Protein backbone atom coordinates (compact mmCIF):
# COMPACT_ATOMS: atom_id res chain seq x y z
CA MET A 1 134.71 173.14 131.94
CA THR A 2 134.86 176.83 132.73
CA LEU A 3 132.23 178.96 134.40
CA PRO A 4 129.66 180.58 132.11
CA THR A 5 130.52 184.25 131.54
CA THR A 6 126.87 185.32 131.84
CA VAL A 7 123.64 183.98 133.26
CA THR A 8 120.17 185.37 132.57
CA VAL A 9 118.00 185.66 135.67
CA GLY A 10 114.57 187.09 134.97
CA PRO A 11 115.12 190.37 133.12
CA PHE A 12 118.78 190.62 134.18
CA VAL A 13 121.90 189.36 132.43
CA TYR A 14 124.48 188.80 135.14
CA ALA A 15 128.20 188.89 134.42
CA VAL A 16 129.91 185.89 136.02
CA VAL A 17 133.49 186.57 137.08
CA GLU A 18 136.30 185.11 139.14
CA ASP A 19 137.74 188.26 140.66
CA PRO A 20 139.73 187.70 143.85
CA VAL A 21 140.27 191.43 144.38
CA SER A 22 136.66 192.62 144.61
CA ARG A 23 135.25 189.59 146.44
CA ASN A 24 134.62 189.52 150.18
CA HIS A 25 137.16 186.86 151.15
CA GLN A 26 134.92 185.47 153.88
CA ASN A 27 132.66 184.11 151.12
CA ARG A 28 133.23 181.61 148.33
CA GLY A 29 131.09 183.75 146.07
CA GLU A 30 128.98 186.88 145.96
CA HIS A 31 125.76 187.97 144.29
CA ASP A 32 125.79 191.70 143.51
CA GLY A 33 122.33 192.71 142.35
CA THR A 34 123.29 196.38 142.15
CA HIS A 35 126.03 195.76 139.58
CA VAL A 36 124.32 192.65 138.13
CA ARG A 37 127.34 190.48 138.77
CA ILE A 38 128.16 187.12 140.33
CA ASN A 39 131.72 186.68 141.60
CA ILE A 40 133.13 183.21 142.31
CA ALA A 41 136.40 182.54 144.15
CA PRO A 42 138.92 181.39 141.51
CA GLU A 43 140.75 179.05 143.89
CA LEU A 44 137.78 176.71 144.40
CA SER A 45 137.73 173.15 143.11
CA PRO A 46 135.46 172.48 140.09
CA GLN A 47 132.87 170.81 142.36
CA ARG A 48 132.84 173.70 144.81
CA LYS A 49 132.62 176.26 141.97
CA ARG A 50 129.49 174.56 140.62
CA VAL A 51 127.84 174.55 144.03
CA THR A 52 128.88 178.13 144.80
CA PHE A 53 127.71 179.32 141.37
CA THR A 54 124.32 177.65 141.98
CA HIS A 55 124.12 179.23 145.45
CA GLU A 56 124.74 182.71 144.03
CA VAL A 57 122.25 182.16 141.18
CA LEU A 58 119.62 181.29 143.80
CA HIS A 59 120.32 184.64 145.47
CA ALA A 60 119.83 186.30 142.08
CA LEU A 61 116.52 184.45 141.53
CA ILE A 62 115.20 185.59 144.90
CA ASP A 63 116.41 189.15 144.25
CA ALA A 64 114.81 189.23 140.78
CA ALA A 65 111.52 188.22 142.39
CA GLY A 66 111.75 191.28 144.65
CA ARG A 67 112.38 189.24 147.76
CA GLY A 68 115.34 188.45 149.98
CA ARG A 69 115.54 191.78 151.72
CA GLU A 70 116.64 191.98 155.33
CA GLY A 71 113.85 190.67 157.50
CA ASP A 72 112.09 188.67 154.73
CA THR A 73 110.95 185.29 155.92
CA PHE A 74 109.79 182.36 153.82
CA THR A 75 107.73 179.30 154.53
CA GLU A 76 108.85 176.17 152.73
CA GLU A 77 105.80 176.33 150.45
CA GLY A 78 106.28 180.04 149.82
CA LEU A 79 109.90 179.51 148.86
CA CYS A 80 108.92 176.69 146.48
CA ASP A 81 106.22 178.91 144.92
CA LEU A 82 108.80 181.66 144.46
CA LEU A 83 111.57 179.51 143.01
CA ALA A 84 109.70 176.99 140.82
CA PRO A 85 108.83 179.36 137.95
CA ALA A 86 112.17 181.13 138.31
CA LEU A 87 114.07 177.85 137.99
CA VAL A 88 112.08 176.83 134.90
CA ALA A 89 112.90 180.18 133.29
CA LEU A 90 116.56 179.86 134.32
CA VAL A 91 116.86 176.47 132.62
CA ARG A 92 115.07 177.62 129.47
CA GLN A 93 117.09 180.83 129.15
CA ASN A 94 120.50 179.33 129.97
CA PRO A 95 121.14 175.94 128.35
CA ASP A 96 124.90 176.56 128.67
CA VAL A 97 124.53 176.81 132.44
CA ILE A 98 122.93 173.36 132.52
CA VAL A 99 125.84 171.97 130.46
CA TYR A 100 128.27 173.55 132.93
CA LEU A 101 126.48 172.21 136.00
CA THR A 102 126.25 168.66 134.64
CA ALA A 103 129.82 168.44 133.26
CA ASP A 104 132.30 165.96 134.69
CA ASP A 105 134.63 167.45 137.27
CA ALA A 106 137.61 166.62 135.05
CA ASP A 107 136.25 169.00 132.38
């Protein structure tokens, strides 16, 4: 199963790409809120791509909530309060993402 080409996060529709040229090669993926883009390393295994994609989507959720700036700190409860409604919206707005995340690794 291939990565989704877009993911809706709050009011933003992120492009999801596998671009080895523009990615910081120290990272497996990057969230770019300025250009509304998530970039995943193309050489990753299917399992690692799913985890990295989820990691970058979490960055996008925090960014869409206006948080995650340098120096922001979160308590565990505060982070749960921030992410719970965002995750519900993510699932409702992106059923194809859920299919991707739950697919067998052979897909």
